[in-house]
Each structure stands twice: as structure tokens, then as C-alpha cells.
Amino acid sequence: MKARCKELLDRAIAATVAAIEIYNKPAFHYREEAFAVLAINGWELLLKAKWLSDHGNDLAFLYVRQPVKSKAASTKGTKPRIKRTRSGNPLTHSLDFLIKKFVESGALDGNAWKNLEALLELRDSAIHFYNRSPVFAQRLQEIGAASVKNFAAAVGDWFKRDLSEFNFYVMPLAFVRLSSRARAVVLNPEEKNFLAFVEGLETKQDDPAARYSVSVNVEIRFTRSKAKDALGVQVTNNPNAPQIRLTEEHVREKYPWDYDRLTVECRKRYAGFKLVQKFHDIRKSLAADARFGHVRLLDPGNPKSPKKPFFNPNIIAEFDKHYTRANA
């Protein structure tokens, strides 16, 4: 029988996959709102799975308790009892409660919490009222992409689960909403308040290569250009079609870490980390995988040119499988 925390984890992943699938349907007219609702659902289930995992899979730790009033007097007694829902079922801890506990303990990154604050506000705005501005869709794109990224990172950090089996990406707006012309956007007071709230959560010091983010800007451009550094793209389902060619700038954006940065991150993350052969063997094997590494030639036209490896921050999730975290 599968442990309760594993069941909740599977449901959390299913909810998030459903959110992504709905968002990636261009003709689905309630796509942004539906994504926000399901994405929050996925996060709440994930946090509850983590909470149960940390408390021996005992459901009692997941229930909200309240003091019991003494029968002999009006004062409250000391023995708590489980608080019930309208139907009489046990009431479980809220998303806010779990987030606060995990942030305080250091189990949840601060950027992930800020991202969830923005997503919660966006969900509440969608449920309790409505949003009509195209700016709403743009901000959800940025917040939602970061939420999906953070979710996958948390699943890897907490449960060592690799989500590469799923298409864990949010389709860029460029693919689904191409406006024919620019036009003025008129915001109502509620929308202005929401945008100001989100902007207050973001900071200029955010590292775009960080494992957790408040928001992510996804940008794709289709242009006709004869420039040598132009990005040539062909959208097709043909598996034999030419692959996308990336400029040096794009490569550095995808692989921002060099060897020194990777070793610094490993020393901070793992207990008793040392630069021994084990590390070098793992690093070299991962560097050959395009998901985690890229080897740059000093002279691209010369295969015998000196080489320098660069790494995607997601490589850390693979090292987690071989090392013990310092705060574990």
C-alpha cells in the first residue's frame, strides 16, 4: 500500500499537470483562471505531502485542533480536539499555515513563497471577481512559469522525484496570443492593485539562474533577418526537422554556471563535500547531457581548440541523488 505522502505527491503532480494542459489550450477562454486554481491546488497537496512525510505519515499531524470548552465552567480547557468542516470531516491545515512553517524551517525558499503569494492573489482575484485586462494574462504567464519551475524543484528537493517524464512547461504567450496591433490598456482599480502587489514582491536582485524564482519572463520572437546571429526557428511536429540553433548569448543564458560556480554551490549545499574523483565522474557524465551541461570551444571552428564546460543550475537536482544536503 502506497504511503499517504506518496499518494498526495501523485495527486499534487496530477493537479499541476492538469493546470499546464489547460493553460496550453489556446482556445480555452478561462485558461488563466483555471491554471491559477489548479496550480494552487497542486502546491497545497505538495506541501501536505511534505508535512506528512516529515511527521511519519501520521494524519493526526495534518488536522487542525482547537481548545475544548470545559463543561463545568465557561473557561476553555487544555485538551484540544479536531476541528471539523461543514460535513463533519477533519479540517486540515491551510496552505498559508504550511508555507509559514516551511519558510521558517528553511525547507521552502523565500522566492517560492513570494511566487505563491502572487499566485494566491491572482487565484482569489479570478474566483471572487474577474479580470479582463491583457496585462493579467501576461503577469500570469510570468508568475505561472515560475510556479511550475519552483514546483518541479521542490518535488526534486523533497522527494527526489524527477518530473522529466512530463511536459512540464507553460506555453509562451507568443504561441497562443499574437495581437495584430498595439493598443492602449485601461486598468480598473482592482487590476492596478494586483499589479502593484506583484511588483512589490519582485526585486531587482533576483537571480534569473536561481533554482527558485518569483516570476519568469518567457520571450520568443519570430523575425525575418539576415543577421548572422539571428535565431532560426521552424515550428513542426516532424522529428526529423532541423533543431533550433542557439547563439552564444542564448547558450550562456541556459548554462550560466562555470566549473567554479558549480563547486561553490556544491560546497554550500552538501555536508562534507570534497573535490574528489566521485564528484568529477558525476560532473563529466552530466556535462555530456544537454539538459545539464554544454562544452564551449574557444575556437568553435577548431575541434582541437581548448574547451570550457558550462552548466545549467538544474544539474544540482542530479547531484542531490549522490550527496547528502548539509541541512538534511
C-alpha atoms as a PDB file:
ATOM      1  CA  MET A   1       0.000   0.000   0.000  1.00  0.00           C
ATOM      2  CA  LYS A   2       1.391   3.355  -1.014  1.00  0.00           C
ATOM      3  CA  ALA A   3       2.250   5.763   1.820  1.00  0.00           C
ATOM      4  CA  ARG A   4      -0.165   8.658   2.281  1.00  0.00           C
ATOM      5  CA  CYS A   5       2.509  11.238   1.493  1.00  0.00           C
ATOM      6  CA  LYS A   6       3.253   9.467  -1.806  1.00  0.00           C
ATOM      7  CA  GLU A   7      -0.448   9.450  -2.700  1.00  0.00           C
ATOM      8  CA  LEU A   8      -0.648  13.174  -2.019  1.00  0.00           C
ATOM      9  CA  LEU A   9       2.506  13.730  -4.074  1.00  0.00           C
ATOM     10  CA  ASP A  10       0.977  11.870  -7.047  1.00  0.00           C
ATOM     11  CA  ARG A  11      -2.191  13.968  -6.756  1.00  0.00           C
ATOM     12  CA  ALA A  12      -0.162  17.166  -6.495  1.00  0.00           C
ATOM     13  CA  ILE A  13       1.684  16.318  -9.708  1.00  0.00           C
ATOM     14  CA  ALA A  14      -1.594  15.367 -11.415  1.00  0.00           C
ATOM     15  CA  ALA A  15      -3.165  18.710 -10.448  1.00  0.00           C
ATOM     16  CA  THR A  16      -0.165  20.651 -11.749  1.00  0.00           C
ATOM     17  CA  VAL A  17      -0.056  18.691 -14.999  1.00  0.00           C
ATOM     18  CA  ALA A  18      -3.788  19.416 -15.433  1.00  0.00           C
ATOM     19  CA  ALA A  19      -3.120  23.134 -14.849  1.00  0.00           C
ATOM     20  CA  ILE A  20      -0.402  23.123 -17.517  1.00  0.00           C
ATOM     21  CA  GLU A  21      -2.508  21.172 -20.019  1.00  0.00           C
ATOM     22  CA  ILE A  22      -5.428  23.578 -19.641  1.00  0.00           C
ATOM     23  CA  TYR A  23      -3.162  26.614 -19.901  1.00  0.00           C
ATOM     24  CA  ASN A  24      -1.611  25.255 -23.083  1.00  0.00           C
ATOM     25  CA  LYS A  25      -5.005  25.088 -24.822  1.00  0.00           C
ATOM     26  CA  PRO A  26      -5.115  28.356 -26.829  1.00  0.00           C
ATOM     27  CA  ALA A  27      -8.891  28.230 -27.405  1.00  0.00           C
ATOM     28  CA  PHE A  28      -9.747  27.662 -23.724  1.00  0.00           C
ATOM     29  CA  HIS A  29     -11.259  31.016 -22.733  1.00  0.00           C
ATOM     30  CA  TYR A  30     -10.899  30.566 -18.958  1.00  0.00           C
ATOM     31  CA  ARG A  31      -7.351  29.267 -19.218  1.00  0.00           C
ATOM     32  CA  GLU A  32      -5.543  31.742 -16.943  1.00  0.00           C
ATOM     33  CA  GLU A  33      -8.101  31.467 -14.149  1.00  0.00           C
ATOM     34  CA  ALA A  34      -8.272  27.658 -14.385  1.00  0.00           C
ATOM     35  CA  PHE A  35      -4.478  27.443 -14.303  1.00  0.00           C
ATOM     36  CA  ALA A  36      -4.284  29.568 -11.144  1.00  0.00           C
ATOM     37  CA  VAL A  37      -6.876  27.437  -9.334  1.00  0.00           C
ATOM     38  CA  LEU A  38      -5.299  24.089 -10.266  1.00  0.00           C
ATOM     39  CA  ALA A  39      -1.720  25.254  -9.719  1.00  0.00           C
ATOM     40  CA  ILE A  40      -2.557  26.357  -6.165  1.00  0.00           C
ATOM     41  CA  ASN A  41      -4.317  23.030  -5.621  1.00  0.00           C
ATOM     42  CA  GLY A  42      -1.153  21.239  -6.737  1.00  0.00           C
ATOM     43  CA  TRP A  43       1.027  23.276  -4.377  1.00  0.00           C
ATOM     44  CA  GLU A  44      -1.273  22.691  -1.387  1.00  0.00           C
ATOM     45  CA  LEU A  45      -1.219  18.933  -1.974  1.00  0.00           C
ATOM     46  CA  LEU A  46       2.570  19.006  -2.375  1.00  0.00           C
ATOM     47  CA  LEU A  47       3.025  20.904   0.902  1.00  0.00           C
ATOM     48  CA  LYS A  48       0.716  18.478   2.701  1.00  0.00           C
ATOM     49  CA  ALA A  49       2.677  15.558   1.263  1.00  0.00           C
ATOM     50  CA  LYS A  50       5.877  17.124   2.621  1.00  0.00           C
ATOM     51  CA  TRP A  51       4.212  17.768   6.013  1.00  0.00           C
ATOM     52  CA  LEU A  52       3.088  14.147   6.280  1.00  0.00           C
ATOM     53  CA  SER A  53       6.500  12.902   5.180  1.00  0.00           C
ATOM     54  CA  ASP A  54       8.124  14.974   7.947  1.00  0.00           C
ATOM     55  CA  HIS A  55       5.674  13.614  10.549  1.00  0.00           C
ATOM     56  CA  GLY A  56       5.847   9.892   9.892  1.00  0.00           C
ATOM     57  CA  ASN A  57       2.789   9.793   7.613  1.00  0.00           C
ATOM     58  CA  ASP A  58       0.562  10.349  10.660  1.00  0.00           C
ATOM     59  CA  LEU A  59      -2.633  12.098   9.508  1.00  0.00           C
ATOM     60  CA  ALA A  60      -3.201  13.423  13.022  1.00  0.00           C
ATOM     61  CA  PHE A  61      -0.458  15.992  12.423  1.00  0.00           C
ATOM     62  CA  LEU A  62      -2.323  17.302   9.379  1.00  0.00           C
ATOM     63  CA  TYR A  63      -5.537  18.117  11.253  1.00  0.00           C
ATOM     64  CA  VAL A  64      -6.368  21.498  12.775  1.00  0.00           C
ATOM     65  CA  ARG A  65      -7.104  21.330  16.515  1.00  0.00           C
ATOM     66  CA  GLN A  66      -8.975  23.747  18.760  1.00  0.00           C
ATOM     67  CA  PRO A  67      -9.362  24.057  22.555  1.00  0.00           C
ATOM     68  CA  VAL A  68     -12.357  22.355  24.136  1.00  0.00           C
ATOM     69  CA  LYS A  69     -14.618  24.381  26.411  1.00  0.00           C
ATOM     70  CA  SER A  70     -14.913  22.999  29.923  1.00  0.00           C
ATOM     71  CA  LYS A  71     -18.368  21.688  30.873  1.00  0.00           C
ATOM     72  CA  ALA A  72     -18.021  22.914  34.436  1.00  0.00           C
ATOM     73  CA  ALA A  73     -17.135  26.477  33.554  1.00  0.00           C
ATOM     74  CA  SER A  74     -17.097  28.881  30.645  1.00  0.00           C
ATOM     75  CA  THR A  75     -13.308  28.893  30.550  1.00  0.00           C
ATOM     76  CA  LYS A  76     -11.559  26.892  27.861  1.00  0.00           C
ATOM     77  CA  GLY A  77      -9.935  23.598  28.749  1.00  0.00           C
ATOM     78  CA  THR A  78      -6.489  22.471  27.759  1.00  0.00           C
ATOM     79  CA  LYS A  79      -7.392  19.348  25.795  1.00  0.00           C
ATOM     80  CA  PRO A  80      -7.663  20.204  22.098  1.00  0.00           C
ATOM     81  CA  ARG A  81      -9.969  18.448  19.686  1.00  0.00           C
ATOM     82  CA  ILE A  82     -10.021  18.158  15.914  1.00  0.00           C
ATOM     83  CA  LYS A  83     -11.827  20.982  14.164  1.00  0.00           C
ATOM     84  CA  ARG A  84     -14.469  19.828  11.691  1.00  0.00           C
ATOM     85  CA  THR A  85     -15.711  21.034   8.310  1.00  0.00           C
ATOM     86  CA  ARG A  86     -19.376  21.641   7.463  1.00  0.00           C
ATOM     87  CA  SER A  87     -19.775  17.953   6.611  1.00  0.00           C
ATOM     88  CA  GLY A  88     -18.085  16.813   9.808  1.00  0.00           C
ATOM     89  CA  ASN A  89     -14.791  15.772   8.228  1.00  0.00           C
ATOM     90  CA  PRO A  90     -11.482  16.735   9.879  1.00  0.00           C
ATOM     91  CA  LEU A  91     -10.232  20.168   8.802  1.00  0.00           C
ATOM     92  CA  THR A  92      -6.653  20.048   7.511  1.00  0.00           C
ATOM     93  CA  HIS A  93      -4.051  22.788   7.869  1.00  0.00           C
ATOM     94  CA  SER A  94      -4.295  25.613   5.344  1.00  0.00           C
ATOM     95  CA  LEU A  95      -1.826  26.441   2.613  1.00  0.00           C
ATOM     96  CA  ASP A  96      -0.771  29.607   4.477  1.00  0.00           C
ATOM     97  CA  PHE A  97      -0.063  27.638   7.670  1.00  0.00           C
ATOM     98  CA  LEU A  98       2.116  25.081   5.889  1.00  0.00           C
ATOM     99  CA  ILE A  99       4.007  27.692   3.888  1.00  0.00           C
ATOM    100  CA  LYS A 100       4.788  29.655   7.054  1.00  0.00           C
ATOM    101  CA  LYS A 101       6.110  26.553   8.788  1.00  0.00           C
ATOM    102  CA  PHE A 102       8.302  25.505   5.859  1.00  0.00           C
ATOM    103  CA  VAL A 103       9.684  29.016   5.280  1.00  0.00           C
ATOM    104  CA  GLU A 104      10.529  29.328   8.988  1.00  0.00           C
ATOM    105  CA  SER A 105      12.336  25.973   8.948  1.00  0.00           C
ATOM    106  CA  GLY A 106      14.183  26.794   5.729  1.00  0.00           C
ATOM    107  CA  ALA A 107      12.574  23.935   3.817  1.00  0.00           C
ATOM    108  CA  LEU A 108      10.875  26.336   1.379  1.00  0.00           C
ATOM    109  CA  ASP A 109      12.802  29.033  -0.470  1.00  0.00           C
ATOM    110  CA  GLY A 110      11.710  32.639   0.054  1.00  0.00           C
ATOM    111  CA  ASN A 111      11.300  33.255  -3.675  1.00  0.00           C
ATOM    112  CA  ALA A 112       8.953  30.273  -3.905  1.00  0.00           C
ATOM    113  CA  TRP A 113       6.826  31.784  -1.130  1.00  0.00           C
ATOM    114  CA  LYS A 114       6.678  35.173  -2.869  1.00  0.00           C
ATOM    115  CA  ASN A 115       5.667  33.438  -6.086  1.00  0.00           C
ATOM    116  CA  LEU A 116       2.870  31.604  -4.252  1.00  0.00           C
ATOM    117  CA  GLU A 117       1.693  34.858  -2.687  1.00  0.00           C
ATOM    118  CA  ALA A 118       1.301  36.314  -6.179  1.00  0.00           C
ATOM    119  CA  LEU A 119      -0.407  33.164  -7.478  1.00  0.00           C
ATOM    120  CA  LEU A 120      -2.789  33.104  -4.493  1.00  0.00           C
ATOM    121  CA  GLU A 121      -3.757  36.727  -5.052  1.00  0.00           C
ATOM    122  CA  LEU A 122      -4.265  36.031  -8.723  1.00  0.00           C
ATOM    123  CA  ARG A 123      -6.436  32.982  -7.961  1.00  0.00           C
ATOM    124  CA  ASP A 124      -8.531  34.892  -5.420  1.00  0.00           C
ATOM    125  CA  SER A 125      -8.993  37.714  -7.896  1.00  0.00           C
ATOM    126  CA  ALA A 126     -10.192  35.236 -10.514  1.00  0.00           C
ATOM    127  CA  ILE A 127     -12.552  33.365  -8.190  1.00  0.00           C
ATOM    128  CA  HIS A 128     -14.128  36.277  -6.350  1.00  0.00           C
ATOM    129  CA  PHE A 129     -14.344  38.700  -9.249  1.00  0.00           C
ATOM    130  CA  TYR A 130     -12.992  38.718 -12.771  1.00  0.00           C
ATOM    131  CA  ASN A 131     -10.083  40.038 -14.787  1.00  0.00           C
ATOM    132  CA  ARG A 132     -10.428  41.491 -18.247  1.00  0.00           C
ATOM    133  CA  SER A 133      -7.092  43.145 -18.904  1.00  0.00           C
ATOM    134  CA  PRO A 134      -4.481  41.501 -21.195  1.00  0.00           C
ATOM    135  CA  VAL A 135      -1.928  42.565 -18.588  1.00  0.00           C
ATOM    136  CA  PHE A 136      -3.490  39.973 -16.281  1.00  0.00           C
ATOM    137  CA  ALA A 137      -2.711  37.241 -18.808  1.00  0.00           C
ATOM    138  CA  GLN A 138       0.861  38.474 -19.193  1.00  0.00           C
ATOM    139  CA  ARG A 139       1.517  38.529 -15.463  1.00  0.00           C
ATOM    140  CA  LEU A 140       0.026  35.076 -15.015  1.00  0.00           C
ATOM    141  CA  GLN A 141       2.365  33.856 -17.744  1.00  0.00           C
ATOM    142  CA  GLU A 142       5.357  35.128 -15.785  1.00  0.00           C
ATOM    143  CA  ILE A 143       4.086  34.003 -12.374  1.00  0.00           C
ATOM    144  CA  GLY A 144       2.792  30.672 -13.677  1.00  0.00           C
ATOM    145  CA  ALA A 145       6.040  29.758 -15.434  1.00  0.00           C
ATOM    146  CA  ALA A 146       7.956  30.426 -12.221  1.00  0.00           C
ATOM    147  CA  SER A 147       5.409  28.431 -10.203  1.00  0.00           C
ATOM    148  CA  VAL A 148       5.842  25.388 -12.447  1.00  0.00           C
ATOM    149  CA  LYS A 149       9.622  25.728 -12.259  1.00  0.00           C
ATOM    150  CA  ASN A 150       9.518  26.038  -8.455  1.00  0.00           C
ATOM    151  CA  PHE A 151       7.119  23.098  -8.143  1.00  0.00           C
ATOM    152  CA  ALA A 152       9.448  20.807 -10.078  1.00  0.00           C
ATOM    153  CA  ALA A 153      12.408  21.990  -7.991  1.00  0.00           C
ATOM    154  CA  ALA A 154      10.559  21.358  -4.705  1.00  0.00           C
ATOM    155  CA  VAL A 155       9.481  17.878  -5.802  1.00  0.00           C
ATOM    156  CA  GLY A 156      13.109  17.099  -6.614  1.00  0.00           C
ATOM    157  CA  ASP A 157      14.462  18.585  -3.377  1.00  0.00           C
ATOM    158  CA  TRP A 158      11.878  16.991  -1.078  1.00  0.00           C
ATOM    159  CA  PHE A 159      11.071  13.674  -2.718  1.00  0.00           C
ATOM    160  CA  LYS A 160      13.954  13.112  -5.186  1.00  0.00           C
ATOM    161  CA  ARG A 161      11.336  12.715  -7.918  1.00  0.00           C
ATOM    162  CA  ASP A 162      12.323  13.565 -11.484  1.00  0.00           C
ATOM    163  CA  LEU A 163       9.463  15.141 -13.453  1.00  0.00           C
ATOM    164  CA  SER A 164      11.161  14.881 -16.835  1.00  0.00           C
ATOM    165  CA  GLU A 165       8.547  12.265 -17.796  1.00  0.00           C
ATOM    166  CA  PHE A 166       6.013  15.090 -18.042  1.00  0.00           C
ATOM    167  CA  ASN A 167       5.940  18.074 -20.395  1.00  0.00           C
ATOM    168  CA  PHE A 168       6.489  20.461 -17.508  1.00  0.00           C
ATOM    169  CA  TYR A 169       6.425  23.756 -19.356  1.00  0.00           C
ATOM    170  CA  VAL A 170       3.978  26.607 -19.777  1.00  0.00           C
ATOM    171  CA  MET A 171       3.460  27.572 -23.409  1.00  0.00           C
ATOM    172  CA  PRO A 172       4.765  31.095 -24.099  1.00  0.00           C
ATOM    173  CA  LEU A 173       2.124  33.697 -24.899  1.00  0.00           C
ATOM    174  CA  ALA A 174       3.851  34.300 -28.234  1.00  0.00           C
ATOM    175  CA  PHE A 175       2.487  30.960 -29.425  1.00  0.00           C
ATOM    176  CA  VAL A 176      -1.095  31.484 -28.348  1.00  0.00           C
ATOM    177  CA  ARG A 177      -1.868  35.177 -28.410  1.00  0.00           C
ATOM    178  CA  LEU A 178      -0.400  37.310 -31.153  1.00  0.00           C
ATOM    179  CA  SER A 179      -2.067  40.711 -31.210  1.00  0.00           C
ATOM    180  CA  SER A 180      -2.331  42.309 -34.627  1.00  0.00           C
ATOM    181  CA  ARG A 181      -1.558  45.767 -33.343  1.00  0.00           C
ATOM    182  CA  ALA A 182      -0.575  47.557 -30.172  1.00  0.00           C
ATOM    183  CA  ARG A 183      -3.358  49.261 -28.264  1.00  0.00           C
ATOM    184  CA  ALA A 184      -3.822  51.125 -25.022  1.00  0.00           C
ATOM    185  CA  VAL A 185      -4.660  49.069 -21.953  1.00  0.00           C
ATOM    186  CA  VAL A 186      -7.157  50.504 -19.458  1.00  0.00           C
ATOM    187  CA  LEU A 187      -6.895  49.002 -15.993  1.00  0.00           C
ATOM    188  CA  ASN A 188      -9.635  49.012 -13.386  1.00  0.00           C
ATOM    189  CA  PRO A 189      -8.689  49.777  -9.741  1.00  0.00           C
ATOM    190  CA  GLU A 190      -8.642  46.079  -8.778  1.00  0.00           C
ATOM    191  CA  GLU A 191      -6.224  45.237 -11.573  1.00  0.00           C
ATOM    192  CA  LYS A 192      -3.977  48.157 -10.655  1.00  0.00           C
ATOM    193  CA  ASN A 193      -3.872  46.946  -7.047  1.00  0.00           C
ATOM    194  CA  PHE A 194      -2.987  43.432  -8.136  1.00  0.00           C
ATOM    195  CA  LEU A 195      -0.157  44.565 -10.423  1.00  0.00           C
ATOM    196  CA  ALA A 196       1.247  46.800  -7.703  1.00  0.00           C
ATOM    197  CA  PHE A 197       1.115  43.895  -5.260  1.00  0.00           C
ATOM    198  CA  VAL A 198       3.031  41.600  -7.617  1.00  0.00           C
ATOM    199  CA  GLU A 199       5.632  44.242  -8.413  1.00  0.00           C
ATOM    200  CA  GLY A 200       6.182  44.685  -4.681  1.00  0.00           C
ATOM    201  CA  LEU A 201       7.098  41.009  -4.366  1.00  0.00           C
ATOM    202  CA  GLU A 202       9.720  41.173  -7.110  1.00  0.00           C
ATOM    203  CA  THR A 203      13.205  42.537  -6.538  1.00  0.00           C
ATOM    204  CA  LYS A 204      15.844  43.721  -8.972  1.00  0.00           C
ATOM    205  CA  GLN A 205      18.368  41.457  -7.243  1.00  0.00           C
ATOM    206  CA  ASP A 206      16.564  38.250  -8.280  1.00  0.00           C
ATOM    207  CA  ASP A 207      18.998  35.839  -9.939  1.00  0.00           C
ATOM    208  CA  PRO A 208      17.424  34.507 -13.162  1.00  0.00           C
ATOM    209  CA  ALA A 209      19.547  31.370 -12.806  1.00  0.00           C
ATOM    210  CA  ALA A 210      18.344  30.679  -9.259  1.00  0.00           C
ATOM    211  CA  ARG A 211      16.606  27.387  -8.532  1.00  0.00           C
ATOM    212  CA  TYR A 212      13.507  29.220  -7.245  1.00  0.00           C
ATOM    213  CA  SER A 213      12.013  32.395  -8.758  1.00  0.00           C
ATOM    214  CA  VAL A 214       9.238  34.889  -8.045  1.00  0.00           C
ATOM    215  CA  SER A 215       8.442  35.300 -11.737  1.00  0.00           C
ATOM    216  CA  VAL A 216       9.951  34.256 -15.051  1.00  0.00           C
ATOM    217  CA  ASN A 217       9.908  36.207 -18.274  1.00  0.00           C
ATOM    218  CA  VAL A 218       9.458  33.861 -21.237  1.00  0.00           C
ATOM    219  CA  GLU A 219      10.073  35.515 -24.559  1.00  0.00           C
ATOM    220  CA  ILE A 220      10.042  34.076 -28.079  1.00  0.00           C
ATOM    221  CA  ARG A 221      10.378  36.195 -31.196  1.00  0.00           C
ATOM    222  CA  PHE A 222       9.770  35.294 -34.819  1.00  0.00           C
ATOM    223  CA  THR A 223      11.634  37.616 -37.158  1.00  0.00           C
ATOM    224  CA  ARG A 224      12.886  37.725 -40.697  1.00  0.00           C
ATOM    225  CA  SER A 225      16.521  38.554 -40.541  1.00  0.00           C
ATOM    226  CA  LYS A 226      19.726  38.028 -42.455  1.00  0.00           C
ATOM    227  CA  ALA A 227      21.830  38.770 -39.402  1.00  0.00           C
ATOM    228  CA  LYS A 228      24.469  36.153 -38.664  1.00  0.00           C
ATOM    229  CA  ASP A 229      23.399  35.820 -35.033  1.00  0.00           C
ATOM    230  CA  ALA A 230      19.664  35.504 -35.793  1.00  0.00           C
ATOM    231  CA  LEU A 231      17.765  32.607 -34.234  1.00  0.00           C
ATOM    232  CA  GLY A 232      16.345  30.400 -36.979  1.00  0.00           C
ATOM    233  CA  VAL A 233      13.154  28.551 -35.971  1.00  0.00           C
ATOM    234  CA  GLN A 234      10.773  26.189 -37.696  1.00  0.00           C
ATOM    235  CA  VAL A 235       7.659  25.021 -35.810  1.00  0.00           C
ATOM    236  CA  THR A 236       6.895  21.435 -36.819  1.00  0.00           C
ATOM    237  CA  ASN A 237       5.924  18.034 -35.445  1.00  0.00           C
ATOM    238  CA  ASN A 238       8.403  16.329 -37.749  1.00  0.00           C
ATOM    239  CA  PRO A 239      11.031  14.579 -35.564  1.00  0.00           C
ATOM    240  CA  ASN A 240      13.491  14.774 -38.459  1.00  0.00           C
ATOM    241  CA  ALA A 241      13.222  18.556 -38.730  1.00  0.00           C
ATOM    242  CA  PRO A 242      16.358  20.630 -38.086  1.00  0.00           C
ATOM    243  CA  GLN A 243      16.907  21.549 -34.461  1.00  0.00           C
ATOM    244  CA  ILE A 244      16.898  25.128 -33.181  1.00  0.00           C
ATOM    245  CA  ARG A 245      20.295  26.772 -33.444  1.00  0.00           C
ATOM    246  CA  LEU A 246      21.262  28.923 -30.495  1.00  0.00           C
ATOM    247  CA  THR A 247      23.568  31.935 -30.482  1.00  0.00           C
ATOM    248  CA  GLU A 248      26.349  32.210 -27.895  1.00  0.00           C
ATOM    249  CA  GLU A 249      24.166  34.602 -25.891  1.00  0.00           C
ATOM    250  CA  HIS A 250      21.345  32.069 -25.694  1.00  0.00           C
ATOM    251  CA  VAL A 251      23.762  29.333 -24.654  1.00  0.00           C
ATOM    252  CA  ARG A 252      25.150  31.402 -21.780  1.00  0.00           C
ATOM    253  CA  GLU A 253      21.619  32.173 -20.607  1.00  0.00           C
ATOM    254  CA  LYS A 254      20.811  28.460 -20.468  1.00  0.00           C
ATOM    255  CA  TYR A 255      24.163  27.440 -18.955  1.00  0.00           C
ATOM    256  CA  PRO A 256      25.169  30.343 -16.661  1.00  0.00           C
ATOM    257  CA  TRP A 257      27.390  28.366 -14.256  1.00  0.00           C
ATOM    258  CA  ASP A 258      31.043  27.608 -14.907  1.00  0.00           C
ATOM    259  CA  TYR A 259      33.099  24.996 -13.038  1.00  0.00           C
ATOM    260  CA  ASP A 260      33.961  27.373 -10.165  1.00  0.00           C
ATOM    261  CA  ARG A 261      30.335  28.386  -9.620  1.00  0.00           C
ATOM    262  CA  LEU A 262      29.246  24.731  -9.626  1.00  0.00           C
ATOM    263  CA  THR A 263      31.783  23.769  -6.963  1.00  0.00           C
ATOM    264  CA  VAL A 264      30.807  26.761  -4.805  1.00  0.00           C
ATOM    265  CA  GLU A 265      27.134  25.737  -4.950  1.00  0.00           C
ATOM    266  CA  CYS A 266      28.012  22.133  -4.088  1.00  0.00           C
ATOM    267  CA  ARG A 267      30.099  23.168  -1.089  1.00  0.00           C
ATOM    268  CA  LYS A 268      27.217  25.277   0.227  1.00  0.00           C
ATOM    269  CA  ARG A 269      24.640  22.562  -0.351  1.00  0.00           C
ATOM    270  CA  TYR A 270      26.266  19.287   0.712  1.00  0.00           C
ATOM    271  CA  ALA A 271      27.728  18.105   4.010  1.00  0.00           C
ATOM    272  CA  GLY A 272      31.432  17.294   3.858  1.00  0.00           C
ATOM    273  CA  PHE A 273      31.662  17.979   0.148  1.00  0.00           C
ATOM    274  CA  LYS A 274      35.128  17.467  -1.378  1.00  0.00           C
ATOM    275  CA  LEU A 275      36.582  17.723  -4.877  1.00  0.00           C
ATOM    276  CA  VAL A 276      37.392  14.050  -5.229  1.00  0.00           C
ATOM    277  CA  GLN A 277      37.106  11.634  -8.147  1.00  0.00           C
ATOM    278  CA  LYS A 278      33.466  10.847  -7.334  1.00  0.00           C
ATOM    279  CA  PHE A 279      32.494  14.458  -7.998  1.00  0.00           C
ATOM    280  CA  HIS A 280      34.487  14.669 -11.219  1.00  0.00           C
ATOM    281  CA  ASP A 281      32.985  11.436 -12.570  1.00  0.00           C
ATOM    282  CA  ILE A 282      29.439  12.635 -11.892  1.00  0.00           C
ATOM    283  CA  ARG A 283      30.165  16.102 -13.278  1.00  0.00           C
ATOM    284  CA  LYS A 284      31.655  14.775 -16.512  1.00  0.00           C
ATOM    285  CA  SER A 285      28.771  12.378 -17.125  1.00  0.00           C
ATOM    286  CA  LEU A 286      26.198  15.145 -16.573  1.00  0.00           C
ATOM    287  CA  ALA A 287      28.132  17.663 -18.674  1.00  0.00           C
ATOM    288  CA  ALA A 288      27.575  15.383 -21.651  1.00  0.00           C
ATOM    289  CA  ASP A 289      23.790  15.684 -21.171  1.00  0.00           C
ATOM    290  CA  ALA A 290      22.382  18.782 -22.921  1.00  0.00           C
ATOM    291  CA  ARG A 291      19.869  19.236 -20.103  1.00  0.00           C
ATOM    292  CA  PHE A 292      22.663  19.961 -17.640  1.00  0.00           C
ATOM    293  CA  GLY A 293      25.843  20.896 -19.454  1.00  0.00           C
ATOM    294  CA  HIS A 294      27.419  22.468 -22.513  1.00  0.00           C
ATOM    295  CA  VAL A 295      31.072  22.382 -23.537  1.00  0.00           C
ATOM    296  CA  ARG A 296      32.194  25.560 -25.285  1.00  0.00           C
ATOM    297  CA  LEU A 297      35.129  25.563 -27.683  1.00  0.00           C
ATOM    298  CA  LEU A 298      37.416  28.581 -27.526  1.00  0.00           C
ATOM    299  CA  ASP A 299      37.591  28.369 -31.316  1.00  0.00           C
ATOM    300  CA  PRO A 300      34.250  26.860 -32.471  1.00  0.00           C
ATOM    301  CA  GLY A 301      35.692  26.050 -35.891  1.00  0.00           C
ATOM    302  CA  ASN A 302      38.558  24.019 -34.463  1.00  0.00           C
ATOM    303  CA  PRO A 303      37.590  20.712 -32.762  1.00  0.00           C
ATOM    304  CA  LYS A 304      41.040  20.600 -31.104  1.00  0.00           C
ATOM    305  CA  SER A 305      40.523  24.023 -29.527  1.00  0.00           C
ATOM    306  CA  PRO A 306      40.656  24.331 -25.699  1.00  0.00           C
ATOM    307  CA  LYS A 307      37.291  23.631 -24.076  1.00  0.00           C
ATOM    308  CA  LYS A 308      35.400  25.075 -21.131  1.00  0.00           C
ATOM    309  CA  PRO A 309      32.282  23.436 -19.636  1.00  0.00           C
ATOM    310  CA  PHE A 310      29.222  25.402 -18.537  1.00  0.00           C
ATOM    311  CA  PHE A 311      26.275  24.104 -16.532  1.00  0.00           C
ATOM    312  CA  ASN A 312      22.551  24.618 -16.107  1.00  0.00           C
ATOM    313  CA  PRO A 313      21.540  25.126 -12.418  1.00  0.00           C
ATOM    314  CA  ASN A 314      19.179  22.152 -12.745  1.00  0.00           C
ATOM    315  CA  ILE A 315      22.266  19.958 -12.523  1.00  0.00           C
ATOM    316  CA  ILE A 316      22.024  20.336  -8.743  1.00  0.00           C
ATOM    317  CA  ALA A 317      18.980  18.053  -8.687  1.00  0.00           C
ATOM    318  CA  GLU A 318      21.145  15.288 -10.145  1.00  0.00           C
ATOM    319  CA  PHE A 319      23.904  15.820  -7.588  1.00  0.00           C
ATOM    320  CA  ASP A 320      21.228  15.522  -4.882  1.00  0.00           C
ATOM    321  CA  LYS A 321      20.953  11.854  -5.817  1.00  0.00           C
ATOM    322  CA  HIS A 322      24.595  11.265  -4.831  1.00  0.00           C
ATOM    323  CA  TYR A 323      25.239  13.647  -1.886  1.00  0.00           C
ATOM    324  CA  THR A 324      23.673  14.454   1.481  1.00  0.00           C
ATOM    325  CA  ARG A 325      22.427  18.009   1.953  1.00  0.00           C
ATOM    326  CA  ALA A 326      24.008  19.992   4.766  1.00  0.00           C
ATOM    327  CA  ASN A 327      20.658  20.916   6.334  1.00  0.00           C
ATOM    328  CA  ALA A 328      19.089  17.465   5.904  1.00  0.00           C
END
